[in-house]
Amino acid sequence: MKKFKEFRQVDEAPYVANDMEIVRSILKKLEDDFTKLSLKKQLEKGWPKLQMIAKAAGYGISKTKQQDGRTYRYDLKKW
């Protein structure tokens, strides 16, 4: 039987910072991910994630009837 220390393997170090630094680090990671997808011309793979982020921020996004490489952002109505 394995011991607790053998189960607990950390792939990356934990990060402790103030609240806004955590927000910045998360947004930086998201920006890096979307930049990589954009450079590979595979932004469609990240489209569902981008829609969820936009919805959480109170926006909606769409690519219909837009030029290549362009996205339409609109405000969501608040009920």
PDB file of N, CA and C in Angstrom:
ATOM      1  N   MET A   1       0.840  -1.175   0.000  1.00  0.00           N
ATOM      2  CA  MET A   1       0.000   0.000   0.000  1.00  0.00           C
ATOM      3  C   MET A   1       0.890   1.246   0.000  1.00  0.00           C
ATOM      4  N   LYS A   2       0.489   2.231  -0.833  1.00  0.00           N
ATOM      5  CA  LYS A   2       1.280   3.462  -0.928  1.00  0.00           C
ATOM      6  C   LYS A   2       1.003   4.369   0.256  1.00  0.00           C
ATOM      7  N   LYS A   3       2.025   5.126   0.589  1.00  0.00           N
ATOM      8  CA  LYS A   3       1.889   6.084   1.673  1.00  0.00           C
ATOM      9  C   LYS A   3       1.359   7.407   1.117  1.00  0.00           C
ATOM     10  N   PHE A   4       0.920   8.268   1.996  1.00  0.00           N
ATOM     11  CA  PHE A   4       0.326   9.545   1.598  1.00  0.00           C
ATOM     12  C   PHE A   4       1.283  10.370   0.742  1.00  0.00           C
ATOM     13  N   LYS A   5       2.547  10.399   1.092  1.00  0.00           N
ATOM     14  CA  LYS A   5       3.520  11.200   0.353  1.00  0.00           C
ATOM     15  C   LYS A   5       3.696  10.697  -1.080  1.00  0.00           C
ATOM     16  N   GLU A   6       3.489   9.414  -1.299  1.00  0.00           N
ATOM     17  CA  GLU A   6       3.619   8.875  -2.646  1.00  0.00           C
ATOM     18  C   GLU A   6       2.433   9.272  -3.519  1.00  0.00           C
ATOM     19  N   PHE A   7       1.248   9.435  -2.927  1.00  0.00           N
ATOM     20  CA  PHE A   7       0.076   9.866  -3.683  1.00  0.00           C
ATOM     21  C   PHE A   7       0.136  11.353  -4.012  1.00  0.00           C
ATOM     22  N   ARG A   8       0.724  12.104  -3.143  1.00  0.00           N
ATOM     23  CA  ARG A   8       0.712  13.556  -3.252  1.00  0.00           C
ATOM     24  C   ARG A   8       1.938  14.033  -4.022  1.00  0.00           C
ATOM     25  N   GLN A   9       1.829  14.009  -5.327  1.00  0.00           N
ATOM     26  CA  GLN A   9       2.897  14.528  -6.173  1.00  0.00           C
ATOM     27  C   GLN A   9       2.390  15.804  -6.834  1.00  0.00           C
ATOM     28  N   VAL A  10       3.130  16.877  -6.666  1.00  0.00           N
ATOM     29  CA  VAL A  10       2.736  18.166  -7.197  1.00  0.00           C
ATOM     30  C   VAL A  10       3.514  18.416  -8.479  1.00  0.00           C
ATOM     31  N   ASP A  11       2.782  18.665  -9.591  1.00  0.00           N
ATOM     32  CA  ASP A  11       3.428  18.936 -10.866  1.00  0.00           C
ATOM     33  C   ASP A  11       3.967  20.361 -10.945  1.00  0.00           C
ATOM     34  N   GLU A  12       3.326  21.267 -10.245  1.00  0.00           N
ATOM     35  CA  GLU A  12       3.792  22.638 -10.234  1.00  0.00           C
ATOM     36  C   GLU A  12       3.657  23.199  -8.827  1.00  0.00           C
ATOM     37  N   ALA A  13       4.400  24.229  -8.564  1.00  0.00           N
ATOM     38  CA  ALA A  13       4.411  24.799  -7.219  1.00  0.00           C
ATOM     39  C   ALA A  13       3.139  25.597  -6.968  1.00  0.00           C
ATOM     40  N   PRO A  14       2.628  25.577  -5.741  1.00  0.00           N
ATOM     41  CA  PRO A  14       1.470  26.411  -5.425  1.00  0.00           C
ATOM     42  C   PRO A  14       1.861  27.887  -5.461  1.00  0.00           C
ATOM     43  N   TYR A  15       0.897  28.739  -5.704  1.00  0.00           N
ATOM     44  CA  TYR A  15       1.159  30.170  -5.850  1.00  0.00           C
ATOM     45  C   TYR A  15       0.304  30.931  -4.844  1.00  0.00           C
ATOM     46  N   VAL A  16       0.937  31.678  -3.981  1.00  0.00           N
ATOM     47  CA  VAL A  16       0.236  32.486  -2.990  1.00  0.00           C
ATOM     48  C   VAL A  16       0.544  33.943  -3.281  1.00  0.00           C
ATOM     49  N   ALA A  17      -0.512  34.740  -3.465  1.00  0.00           N
ATOM     50  CA  ALA A  17      -0.353  36.168  -3.733  1.00  0.00           C
ATOM     51  C   ALA A  17      -1.643  36.868  -3.325  1.00  0.00           C
ATOM     52  N   ASN A  18      -1.642  38.194  -3.456  1.00  0.00           N
ATOM     53  CA  ASN A  18      -2.883  38.901  -3.140  1.00  0.00           C
ATOM     54  C   ASN A  18      -3.923  38.635  -4.231  1.00  0.00           C
ATOM     55  N   ASP A  19      -5.150  39.003  -3.966  1.00  0.00           N
ATOM     56  CA  ASP A  19      -6.270  38.645  -4.845  1.00  0.00           C
ATOM     57  C   ASP A  19      -6.087  39.136  -6.279  1.00  0.00           C
ATOM     58  N   MET A  20      -5.694  40.373  -6.451  1.00  0.00           N
ATOM     59  CA  MET A  20      -5.566  40.930  -7.799  1.00  0.00           C
ATOM     60  C   MET A  20      -4.415  40.297  -8.570  1.00  0.00           C
ATOM     61  N   GLU A  21      -3.359  39.899  -7.888  1.00  0.00           N
ATOM     62  CA  GLU A  21      -2.260  39.203  -8.570  1.00  0.00           C
ATOM     63  C   GLU A  21      -2.729  37.839  -9.092  1.00  0.00           C
ATOM     64  N   ILE A  22      -3.573  37.168  -8.335  1.00  0.00           N
ATOM     65  CA  ILE A  22      -4.127  35.893  -8.789  1.00  0.00           C
ATOM     66  C   ILE A  22      -4.980  36.113 -10.031  1.00  0.00           C
ATOM     67  N   VAL A  23      -5.809  37.159 -10.022  1.00  0.00           N
ATOM     68  CA  VAL A  23      -6.640  37.480 -11.190  1.00  0.00           C
ATOM     69  C   VAL A  23      -5.755  37.756 -12.400  1.00  0.00           C
ATOM     70  N   ARG A  24      -4.699  38.561 -12.195  1.00  0.00           N
ATOM     71  CA  ARG A  24      -3.790  38.874 -13.307  1.00  0.00           C
ATOM     72  C   ARG A  24      -3.103  37.622 -13.850  1.00  0.00           C
ATOM     73  N   SER A  25      -2.702  36.729 -12.963  1.00  0.00           N
ATOM     74  CA  SER A  25      -2.012  35.519 -13.430  1.00  0.00           C
ATOM     75  C   SER A  25      -2.957  34.620 -14.222  1.00  0.00           C
ATOM     76  N   ILE A  26      -4.207  34.536 -13.799  1.00  0.00           N
ATOM     77  CA  ILE A  26      -5.191  33.732 -14.539  1.00  0.00           C
ATOM     78  C   ILE A  26      -5.457  34.343 -15.912  1.00  0.00           C
ATOM     79  N   LEU A  27      -5.649  35.654 -15.958  1.00  0.00           N
ATOM     80  CA  LEU A  27      -5.906  36.318 -17.237  1.00  0.00           C
ATOM     81  C   LEU A  27      -4.700  36.224 -18.167  1.00  0.00           C
ATOM     82  N   LYS A  28      -3.502  36.308 -17.606  1.00  0.00           N
ATOM     83  CA  LYS A  28      -2.283  36.172 -18.417  1.00  0.00           C
ATOM     84  C   LYS A  28      -2.197  34.783 -19.040  1.00  0.00           C
ATOM     85  N   LYS A  29      -2.532  33.759 -18.256  1.00  0.00           N
ATOM     86  CA  LYS A  29      -2.512  32.379 -18.764  1.00  0.00           C
ATOM     87  C   LYS A  29      -3.536  32.214 -19.887  1.00  0.00           C
ATOM     88  N   LEU A  30      -4.737  32.761 -19.694  1.00  0.00           N
ATOM     89  CA  LEU A  30      -5.755  32.677 -20.742  1.00  0.00           C
ATOM     90  C   LEU A  30      -5.304  33.396 -22.006  1.00  0.00           C
ATOM     91  N   GLU A  31      -4.710  34.573 -21.848  1.00  0.00           N
ATOM     92  CA  GLU A  31      -4.220  35.321 -23.004  1.00  0.00           C
ATOM     93  C   GLU A  31      -3.139  34.538 -23.742  1.00  0.00           C
ATOM     94  N   ASP A  32      -2.226  33.926 -23.007  1.00  0.00           N
ATOM     95  CA  ASP A  32      -1.175  33.122 -23.631  1.00  0.00           C
ATOM     96  C   ASP A  32      -1.762  31.936 -24.402  1.00  0.00           C
ATOM     97  N   ASP A  33      -2.751  31.264 -23.804  1.00  0.00           N
ATOM     98  CA  ASP A  33      -3.385  30.123 -24.472  1.00  0.00           C
ATOM     99  C   ASP A  33      -4.050  30.543 -25.778  1.00  0.00           C
ATOM    100  N   PHE A  34      -4.797  31.659 -25.755  1.00  0.00           N
ATOM    101  CA  PHE A  34      -5.481  32.115 -26.962  1.00  0.00           C
ATOM    102  C   PHE A  34      -4.500  32.645 -28.001  1.00  0.00           C
ATOM    103  N   THR A  35      -3.398  33.220 -27.566  1.00  0.00           N
ATOM    104  CA  THR A  35      -2.381  33.684 -28.505  1.00  0.00           C
ATOM    105  C   THR A  35      -1.758  32.501 -29.241  1.00  0.00           C
ATOM    106  N   LYS A  36      -1.461  31.431 -28.511  1.00  0.00           N
ATOM    107  CA  LYS A  36      -0.897  30.233 -29.139  1.00  0.00           C
ATOM    108  C   LYS A  36      -1.865  29.637 -30.158  1.00  0.00           C
ATOM    109  N   LEU A  37      -3.143  29.554 -29.786  1.00  0.00           N
ATOM    110  CA  LEU A  37      -4.139  29.025 -30.715  1.00  0.00           C
ATOM    111  C   LEU A  37      -4.277  29.922 -31.938  1.00  0.00           C
ATOM    112  N   SER A  38      -4.218  31.234 -31.733  1.00  0.00           N
ATOM    113  CA  SER A  38      -4.348  32.174 -32.842  1.00  0.00           C
ATOM    114  C   SER A  38      -3.169  32.047 -33.807  1.00  0.00           C
ATOM    115  N   LEU A  39      -1.975  31.892 -33.273  1.00  0.00           N
ATOM    116  CA  LEU A  39      -0.796  31.755 -34.134  1.00  0.00           C
ATOM    117  C   LEU A  39      -0.839  30.468 -34.949  1.00  0.00           C
ATOM    118  N   LYS A  40      -1.440  29.431 -34.374  1.00  0.00           N
ATOM    119  CA  LYS A  40      -1.567  28.157 -35.078  1.00  0.00           C
ATOM    120  C   LYS A  40      -2.786  28.125 -35.995  1.00  0.00           C
ATOM    121  N   LYS A  41      -3.541  29.229 -36.020  1.00  0.00           N
ATOM    122  CA  LYS A  41      -4.783  29.321 -36.798  1.00  0.00           C
ATOM    123  C   LYS A  41      -5.798  28.281 -36.331  1.00  0.00           C
ATOM    124  N   GLN A  42      -5.842  28.040 -35.017  1.00  0.00           N
ATOM    125  CA  GLN A  42      -6.760  27.062 -34.431  1.00  0.00           C
ATOM    126  C   GLN A  42      -7.615  27.698 -33.342  1.00  0.00           C
ATOM    127  N   LEU A  43      -7.989  28.951 -33.518  1.00  0.00           N
ATOM    128  CA  LEU A  43      -8.749  29.661 -32.495  1.00  0.00           C
ATOM    129  C   LEU A  43     -10.117  29.022 -32.248  1.00  0.00           C
ATOM    130  N   GLU A  44     -10.620  28.265 -33.223  1.00  0.00           N
ATOM    131  CA  GLU A  44     -11.921  27.615 -33.061  1.00  0.00           C
ATOM    132  C   GLU A  44     -11.907  26.618 -31.904  1.00  0.00           C
ATOM    133  N   LYS A  45     -10.751  26.047 -31.597  1.00  0.00           N
ATOM    134  CA  LYS A  45     -10.653  25.104 -30.483  1.00  0.00           C
ATOM    135  C   LYS A  45     -10.911  25.795 -29.152  1.00  0.00           C
ATOM    136  N   GLY A  46     -10.568  27.058 -29.035  1.00  0.00           N
ATOM    137  CA  GLY A  46     -10.764  27.797 -27.803  1.00  0.00           C
ATOM    138  C   GLY A  46     -12.051  28.605 -27.775  1.00  0.00           C
ATOM    139  N   TRP A  47     -12.849  28.503 -28.833  1.00  0.00           N
ATOM    140  CA  TRP A  47     -14.062  29.311 -28.937  1.00  0.00           C
ATOM    141  C   TRP A  47     -15.061  29.054 -27.801  1.00  0.00           C
ATOM    142  N   PRO A  48     -15.355  27.805 -27.429  1.00  0.00           N
ATOM    143  CA  PRO A  48     -16.298  27.592 -26.309  1.00  0.00           C
ATOM    144  C   PRO A  48     -15.807  28.213 -24.997  1.00  0.00           C
ATOM    145  N   LYS A  49     -14.516  28.125 -24.732  1.00  0.00           N
ATOM    146  CA  LYS A  49     -13.962  28.719 -23.513  1.00  0.00           C
ATOM    147  C   LYS A  49     -14.095  30.241 -23.562  1.00  0.00           C
ATOM    148  N   LEU A  50     -13.840  30.825 -24.730  1.00  0.00           N
ATOM    149  CA  LEU A  50     -13.938  32.272 -24.898  1.00  0.00           C
ATOM    150  C   LEU A  50     -15.378  32.741 -24.706  1.00  0.00           C
ATOM    151  N   GLN A  51     -16.345  31.957 -25.183  1.00  0.00           N
ATOM    152  CA  GLN A  51     -17.753  32.308 -24.987  1.00  0.00           C
ATOM    153  C   GLN A  51     -18.128  32.276 -23.508  1.00  0.00           C
ATOM    154  N   MET A  52     -17.624  31.299 -22.766  1.00  0.00           N
ATOM    155  CA  MET A  52     -17.913  31.220 -21.336  1.00  0.00           C
ATOM    156  C   MET A  52     -17.319  32.408 -20.580  1.00  0.00           C
ATOM    157  N   ILE A  53     -16.103  32.795 -20.954  1.00  0.00           N
ATOM    158  CA  ILE A  53     -15.450  33.932 -20.306  1.00  0.00           C
ATOM    159  C   ILE A  53     -16.222  35.211 -20.595  1.00  0.00           C
ATOM    160  N   ALA A  54     -16.635  35.387 -21.850  1.00  0.00           N
ATOM    161  CA  ALA A  54     -17.397  36.579 -22.228  1.00  0.00           C
ATOM    162  C   ALA A  54     -18.726  36.634 -21.480  1.00  0.00           C
ATOM    163  N   LYS A  55     -19.393  35.501 -21.361  1.00  0.00           N
ATOM    164  CA  LYS A  55     -20.674  35.460 -20.659  1.00  0.00           C
ATOM    165  C   LYS A  55     -20.495  35.802 -19.181  1.00  0.00           C
ATOM    166  N   ALA A  56     -19.426  35.318 -18.573  1.00  0.00           N
ATOM    167  CA  ALA A  56     -19.150  35.632 -17.171  1.00  0.00           C
ATOM    168  C   ALA A  56     -18.881  37.125 -16.983  1.00  0.00           C
ATOM    169  N   ALA A  57     -18.359  37.777 -18.013  1.00  0.00           N
ATOM    170  CA  ALA A  57     -18.074  39.208 -17.955  1.00  0.00           C
ATOM    171  C   ALA A  57     -19.284  40.051 -18.354  1.00  0.00           C
ATOM    172  N   GLY A  58     -20.383  39.412 -18.771  1.00  0.00           N
ATOM    173  CA  GLY A  58     -21.587  40.146 -19.148  1.00  0.00           C
ATOM    174  C   GLY A  58     -21.659  40.494 -20.618  1.00  0.00           C
ATOM    175  N   TYR A  59     -20.891  39.780 -21.445  1.00  0.00           N
ATOM    176  CA  TYR A  59     -20.887  40.018 -22.878  1.00  0.00           C
ATOM    177  C   TYR A  59     -21.282  38.753 -23.625  1.00  0.00           C
ATOM    178  N   GLY A  60     -21.673  38.943 -24.851  1.00  0.00           N
ATOM    179  CA  GLY A  60     -21.870  37.844 -25.775  1.00  0.00           C
ATOM    180  C   GLY A  60     -20.952  38.083 -26.960  1.00  0.00           C
ATOM    181  N   ILE A  61     -20.507  37.023 -27.611  1.00  0.00           N
ATOM    182  CA  ILE A  61     -19.629  37.182 -28.772  1.00  0.00           C
ATOM    183  C   ILE A  61     -20.151  36.319 -29.912  1.00  0.00           C
ATOM    184  N   SER A  62     -19.867  36.754 -31.125  1.00  0.00           N
ATOM    185  CA  SER A  62     -20.330  36.033 -32.301  1.00  0.00           C
ATOM    186  C   SER A  62     -19.370  36.266 -33.452  1.00  0.00           C
ATOM    187  N   LYS A  63     -19.244  35.285 -34.306  1.00  0.00           N
ATOM    188  CA  LYS A  63     -18.413  35.419 -35.505  1.00  0.00           C
ATOM    189  C   LYS A  63     -19.261  35.441 -36.778  1.00  0.00           C
ATOM    190  N   THR A  64     -20.574  35.330 -36.625  1.00  0.00           N
ATOM    191  CA  THR A  64     -21.437  35.302 -37.807  1.00  0.00           C
ATOM    192  C   THR A  64     -21.433  36.662 -38.500  1.00  0.00           C
ATOM    193  N   LYS A  65     -21.359  36.626 -39.818  1.00  0.00           N
ATOM    194  CA  LYS A  65     -21.361  37.812 -40.674  1.00  0.00           C
ATOM    195  C   LYS A  65     -20.205  38.763 -40.385  1.00  0.00           C
ATOM    196  N   GLN A  66     -19.092  38.232 -39.901  1.00  0.00           N
ATOM    197  CA  GLN A  66     -17.910  39.050 -39.631  1.00  0.00           C
ATOM    198  C   GLN A  66     -16.787  38.636 -40.585  1.00  0.00           C
ATOM    199  N   GLN A  67     -15.856  39.567 -40.806  1.00  0.00           N
ATOM    200  CA  GLN A  67     -14.702  39.261 -41.633  1.00  0.00           C
ATOM    201  C   GLN A  67     -13.846  38.212 -40.932  1.00  0.00           C
ATOM    202  N   ASP A  68     -12.971  37.558 -41.686  1.00  0.00           N
ATOM    203  CA  ASP A  68     -12.061  36.591 -41.079  1.00  0.00           C
ATOM    204  C   ASP A  68     -11.182  37.290 -40.050  1.00  0.00           C
ATOM    205  N   GLY A  69     -11.043  36.668 -38.896  1.00  0.00           N
ATOM    206  CA  GLY A  69     -10.212  37.221 -37.847  1.00  0.00           C
ATOM    207  C   GLY A  69     -10.908  38.290 -37.008  1.00  0.00           C
ATOM    208  N   ARG A  70     -12.196  38.479 -37.215  1.00  0.00           N
ATOM    209  CA  ARG A  70     -12.944  39.486 -36.459  1.00  0.00           C
ATOM    210  C   ARG A  70     -14.045  38.817 -35.648  1.00  0.00           C
ATOM    211  N   THR A  71     -14.359  39.399 -34.487  1.00  0.00           N
ATOM    212  CA  THR A  71     -15.408  38.885 -33.608  1.00  0.00           C
ATOM    213  C   THR A  71     -16.272  40.053 -33.170  1.00  0.00           C
ATOM    214  N   TYR A  72     -17.579  39.826 -33.130  1.00  0.00           N
ATOM    215  CA  TYR A  72     -18.532  40.836 -32.686  1.00  0.00           C
ATOM    216  C   TYR A  72     -18.836  40.616 -31.211  1.00  0.00           C
ATOM    217  N   ARG A  73     -18.680  41.656 -30.403  1.00  0.00           N
ATOM    218  CA  ARG A  73     -18.992  41.581 -28.976  1.00  0.00           C
ATOM    219  C   ARG A  73     -20.174  42.492 -28.680  1.00  0.00           C
ATOM    220  N   TYR A  74     -21.125  41.968 -27.899  1.00  0.00           N
ATOM    221  CA  TYR A  74     -22.307  42.751 -27.535  1.00  0.00           C
ATOM    222  C   TYR A  74     -22.601  42.552 -26.055  1.00  0.00           C
ATOM    223  N   ASP A  75     -23.326  43.513 -25.489  1.00  0.00           N
ATOM    224  CA  ASP A  75     -23.722  43.431 -24.077  1.00  0.00           C
ATOM    225  C   ASP A  75     -24.902  42.492 -23.931  1.00  0.00           C
ATOM    226  N   LEU A  76     -24.864  41.659 -22.907  1.00  0.00           N
ATOM    227  CA  LEU A  76     -26.007  40.803 -22.601  1.00  0.00           C
ATOM    228  C   LEU A  76     -27.022  41.616 -21.821  1.00  0.00           C
ATOM    229  N   LYS A  77     -28.297  41.370 -22.095  1.00  0.00           N
ATOM    230  CA  LYS A  77     -29.345  42.066 -21.360  1.00  0.00           C
ATOM    231  C   LYS A  77     -29.444  41.482 -19.967  1.00  0.00           C
ATOM    232  N   LYS A  78     -29.625  42.352 -19.009  1.00  0.00           N
ATOM    233  CA  LYS A  78     -29.774  41.897 -17.620  1.00  0.00           C
ATOM    234  C   LYS A  78     -31.252  41.895 -17.295  1.00  0.00           C
ATOM    235  N   TRP A  79     -31.692  40.799 -16.771  1.00  0.00           N
ATOM    236  CA  TRP A  79     -33.121  40.656 -16.463  1.00  0.00           C
ATOM    237  C   TRP A  79     -33.389  41.135 -15.113  1.00  0.00           C
TER     238      TRP A  79
END
